């Protein structure tokens, strides 16, 4: 199972994890439109769920338990949208870059003009 872990969720309330970690995450639907905007058409098809700390799922949702087997930090570029003012930026379509990492704490550095946006985490259930 592949899980999206958003930067803001991780920085606010997330617990650091690493390869081999046993996790119990509350999962909801991944925002497929946002993933497509960052990773390009078709790239989001492998994301099964998103880790959720702030609602959006029923209160009685049982945590999904698994072992972290892969972590990819996701970076993408941002630019003003074609119909927006210059202060609002959006992911540049297809600019997403995945880099395998050993751990995730929500504070992965940016890569130049590519901003860190979250993690794609492979869980073995």
C-alpha atoms as a PDB file:
ATOM      1  CA  UNK A   1       0.000   0.000   0.000  1.00  0.00           C
ATOM      2  CA  UNK A   2       1.283   3.475  -0.877  1.00  0.00           C
ATOM      3  CA  UNK A   3       0.364   6.344   1.455  1.00  0.00           C
ATOM      4  CA  UNK A   4       0.712  10.088   0.873  1.00  0.00           C
ATOM      5  CA  UNK A   5       2.003  11.978   3.948  1.00  0.00           C
ATOM      6  CA  UNK A   6       1.547  15.727   3.431  1.00  0.00           C
ATOM      7  CA  UNK A   7       4.224  18.113   4.758  1.00  0.00           C
ATOM      8  CA  UNK A   8       1.777  20.161   6.831  1.00  0.00           C
ATOM      9  CA  UNK A   9       0.226  17.062   8.424  1.00  0.00           C
ATOM     10  CA  UNK A  10       3.674  15.787   9.343  1.00  0.00           C
ATOM     11  CA  UNK A  11       4.976  19.119  10.660  1.00  0.00           C
ATOM     12  CA  UNK A  12       1.866  19.732  12.760  1.00  0.00           C
ATOM     13  CA  UNK A  13       1.103  16.390  14.364  1.00  0.00           C
ATOM     14  CA  UNK A  14       3.117  13.654  12.704  1.00  0.00           C
ATOM     15  CA  UNK A  15       5.476  11.255  14.403  1.00  0.00           C
ATOM     16  CA  UNK A  16       8.844  10.754  12.705  1.00  0.00           C
ATOM     17  CA  UNK A  17       9.233   7.381  10.994  1.00  0.00           C
ATOM     18  CA  UNK A  18      11.994   5.461   9.250  1.00  0.00           C
ATOM     19  CA  UNK A  19      12.506   2.375   7.152  1.00  0.00           C
ATOM     20  CA  UNK A  20      11.340  -0.571   9.234  1.00  0.00           C
ATOM     21  CA  UNK A  21       9.076   1.508  11.508  1.00  0.00           C
ATOM     22  CA  UNK A  22       5.848  -0.051  12.683  1.00  0.00           C
ATOM     23  CA  UNK A  23       3.145   2.608  12.212  1.00  0.00           C
ATOM     24  CA  UNK A  24      -0.565   2.911  12.982  1.00  0.00           C
ATOM     25  CA  UNK A  25      -1.937   5.676  10.752  1.00  0.00           C
ATOM     26  CA  UNK A  26      -5.446   6.991  10.251  1.00  0.00           C
ATOM     27  CA  UNK A  27      -5.949   6.990   6.506  1.00  0.00           C
ATOM     28  CA  UNK A  28      -8.344   8.832   4.250  1.00  0.00           C
ATOM     29  CA  UNK A  29      -8.683   9.426   0.545  1.00  0.00           C
ATOM     30  CA  UNK A  30      -5.682  10.940  -1.196  1.00  0.00           C
ATOM     31  CA  UNK A  31      -6.292  14.174  -3.112  1.00  0.00           C
ATOM     32  CA  UNK A  32      -5.738  12.692  -6.560  1.00  0.00           C
ATOM     33  CA  UNK A  33      -6.033  16.083  -8.310  1.00  0.00           C
ATOM     34  CA  UNK A  34      -3.276  17.567  -6.155  1.00  0.00           C
ATOM     35  CA  UNK A  35      -1.051  14.532  -6.632  1.00  0.00           C
ATOM     36  CA  UNK A  36      -1.588  14.718 -10.386  1.00  0.00           C
ATOM     37  CA  UNK A  37      -0.714  18.431 -10.335  1.00  0.00           C
ATOM     38  CA  UNK A  38       2.582  17.675  -8.590  1.00  0.00           C
ATOM     39  CA  UNK A  39       3.578  14.353 -10.125  1.00  0.00           C
ATOM     40  CA  UNK A  40       2.014  14.495 -13.579  1.00  0.00           C
ATOM     41  CA  UNK A  41      -0.792  12.612 -15.248  1.00  0.00           C
ATOM     42  CA  UNK A  42      -0.897   8.954 -14.253  1.00  0.00           C
ATOM     43  CA  UNK A  43       1.752   9.205 -11.540  1.00  0.00           C
ATOM     44  CA  UNK A  44      -0.816   9.432  -8.747  1.00  0.00           C
ATOM     45  CA  UNK A  45      -2.426   6.093  -9.713  1.00  0.00           C
ATOM     46  CA  UNK A  46      -0.232   4.218  -7.263  1.00  0.00           C
ATOM     47  CA  UNK A  47      -1.324   6.226  -4.185  1.00  0.00           C
ATOM     48  CA  UNK A  48      -3.892   4.271  -2.181  1.00  0.00           C
ATOM     49  CA  UNK A  49      -4.562   6.657   0.730  1.00  0.00           C
ATOM     50  CA  UNK A  50      -3.373   9.703   2.664  1.00  0.00           C
ATOM     51  CA  UNK A  51      -2.386   9.930   6.314  1.00  0.00           C
ATOM     52  CA  UNK A  52      -4.875  12.141   8.151  1.00  0.00           C
ATOM     53  CA  UNK A  53      -4.649  13.909  11.534  1.00  0.00           C
ATOM     54  CA  UNK A  54      -7.269  16.629  11.136  1.00  0.00           C
ATOM     55  CA  UNK A  55     -10.640  15.091  10.294  1.00  0.00           C
ATOM     56  CA  UNK A  56     -12.014  14.275   6.907  1.00  0.00           C
ATOM     57  CA  UNK A  57     -12.514  10.672   8.015  1.00  0.00           C
ATOM     58  CA  UNK A  58     -15.140   9.211  10.353  1.00  0.00           C
ATOM     59  CA  UNK A  59     -14.138   9.409  14.031  1.00  0.00           C
ATOM     60  CA  UNK A  60     -14.376   5.633  14.399  1.00  0.00           C
ATOM     61  CA  UNK A  61     -11.911   4.956  11.561  1.00  0.00           C
ATOM     62  CA  UNK A  62      -9.519   2.265  12.766  1.00  0.00           C
ATOM     63  CA  UNK A  63      -5.818   2.939  12.270  1.00  0.00           C
ATOM     64  CA  UNK A  64      -4.086   1.070   9.478  1.00  0.00           C
ATOM     65  CA  UNK A  65      -1.047  -0.770  10.823  1.00  0.00           C
ATOM     66  CA  UNK A  66       1.975  -1.633   8.777  1.00  0.00           C
ATOM     67  CA  UNK A  67       5.731  -1.615   8.367  1.00  0.00           C
ATOM     68  CA  UNK A  68       7.431   1.177   6.415  1.00  0.00           C
ATOM     69  CA  UNK A  69       9.320  -0.438   3.529  1.00  0.00           C
ATOM     70  CA  UNK A  70      10.060   2.608   1.334  1.00  0.00           C
ATOM     71  CA  UNK A  71      10.014   6.378   1.770  1.00  0.00           C
ATOM     72  CA  UNK A  72      10.245   8.844  -1.098  1.00  0.00           C
ATOM     73  CA  UNK A  73      10.512  12.571  -0.380  1.00  0.00           C
ATOM     74  CA  UNK A  74       8.488  14.524  -2.945  1.00  0.00           C
ATOM     75  CA  UNK A  75       9.605  17.929  -4.207  1.00  0.00           C
ATOM     76  CA  UNK A  76       8.011  20.100  -6.885  1.00  0.00           C
ATOM     77  CA  UNK A  77       8.254  23.581  -8.339  1.00  0.00           C
ATOM     78  CA  UNK A  78       5.586  26.249  -7.818  1.00  0.00           C
ATOM     79  CA  UNK A  79       4.591  29.166 -10.068  1.00  0.00           C
ATOM     80  CA  UNK A  80       1.661  31.567 -10.404  1.00  0.00           C
ATOM     81  CA  UNK A  81      -1.356  30.025 -12.106  1.00  0.00           C
ATOM     82  CA  UNK A  82      -2.389  31.284 -15.538  1.00  0.00           C
ATOM     83  CA  UNK A  83      -5.522  33.004 -14.201  1.00  0.00           C
ATOM     84  CA  UNK A  84      -4.298  34.104 -10.776  1.00  0.00           C
ATOM     85  CA  UNK A  85      -2.568  37.082  -9.239  1.00  0.00           C
ATOM     86  CA  UNK A  86       1.187  36.810  -8.900  1.00  0.00           C
ATOM     87  CA  UNK A  87       1.031  36.154  -5.129  1.00  0.00           C
ATOM     88  CA  UNK A  88      -0.712  32.787  -5.474  1.00  0.00           C
ATOM     89  CA  UNK A  89       1.468  29.859  -6.543  1.00  0.00           C
ATOM     90  CA  UNK A  90       0.471  26.394  -7.706  1.00  0.00           C
ATOM     91  CA  UNK A  91       2.443  23.216  -8.393  1.00  0.00           C
ATOM     92  CA  UNK A  92       4.012  23.243 -11.850  1.00  0.00           C
ATOM     93  CA  UNK A  93       2.437  20.242 -13.594  1.00  0.00           C
ATOM     94  CA  UNK A  94       4.785  17.282 -13.815  1.00  0.00           C
ATOM     95  CA  UNK A  95       7.588  18.979 -11.865  1.00  0.00           C
ATOM     96  CA  UNK A  96       7.473  16.440  -9.027  1.00  0.00           C
ATOM     97  CA  UNK A  97      10.709  14.679  -8.159  1.00  0.00           C
ATOM     98  CA  UNK A  98      10.881  11.613  -5.890  1.00  0.00           C
ATOM     99  CA  UNK A  99      14.003  10.899  -3.864  1.00  0.00           C
ATOM    100  CA  UNK A 100      14.347   7.792  -1.708  1.00  0.00           C
ATOM    101  CA  UNK A 101      15.167   8.648   1.911  1.00  0.00           C
ATOM    102  CA  UNK A 102      15.775   6.608   5.078  1.00  0.00           C
ATOM    103  CA  UNK A 103      13.388   8.551   7.341  1.00  0.00           C
ATOM    104  CA  UNK A 104      10.703  11.204   7.440  1.00  0.00           C
ATOM    105  CA  UNK A 105      10.182  13.960   9.999  1.00  0.00           C
ATOM    106  CA  UNK A 106       8.447  16.620   7.881  1.00  0.00           C
ATOM    107  CA  UNK A 107      11.517  18.843   7.651  1.00  0.00           C
ATOM    108  CA  UNK A 108      13.222  17.538   4.517  1.00  0.00           C
ATOM    109  CA  UNK A 109      15.095  20.451   2.896  1.00  0.00           C
ATOM    110  CA  UNK A 110      14.008  22.011  -0.388  1.00  0.00           C
ATOM    111  CA  UNK A 111      16.160  21.350  -3.486  1.00  0.00           C
ATOM    112  CA  UNK A 112      16.800  24.756  -5.036  1.00  0.00           C
ATOM    113  CA  UNK A 113      13.499  25.895  -6.565  1.00  0.00           C
ATOM    114  CA  UNK A 114      11.889  22.485  -5.891  1.00  0.00           C
ATOM    115  CA  UNK A 115       9.955  22.710  -2.622  1.00  0.00           C
ATOM    116  CA  UNK A 116       9.486  19.742  -0.313  1.00  0.00           C
ATOM    117  CA  UNK A 117       5.763  18.842  -0.240  1.00  0.00           C
ATOM    118  CA  UNK A 118       5.499  15.442   1.454  1.00  0.00           C
ATOM    119  CA  UNK A 119       6.325  11.758   1.367  1.00  0.00           C
ATOM    120  CA  UNK A 120       5.137   8.743  -0.544  1.00  0.00           C
ATOM    121  CA  UNK A 121       5.428   5.850   1.893  1.00  0.00           C
ATOM    122  CA  UNK A 122       5.168   2.175   1.042  1.00  0.00           C
ATOM    123  CA  UNK A 123       3.565   0.155   3.836  1.00  0.00           C
ATOM    124  CA  UNK A 124       3.579  -3.603   4.145  1.00  0.00           C
ATOM    125  CA  UNK A 125       0.333  -4.450   5.896  1.00  0.00           C
END
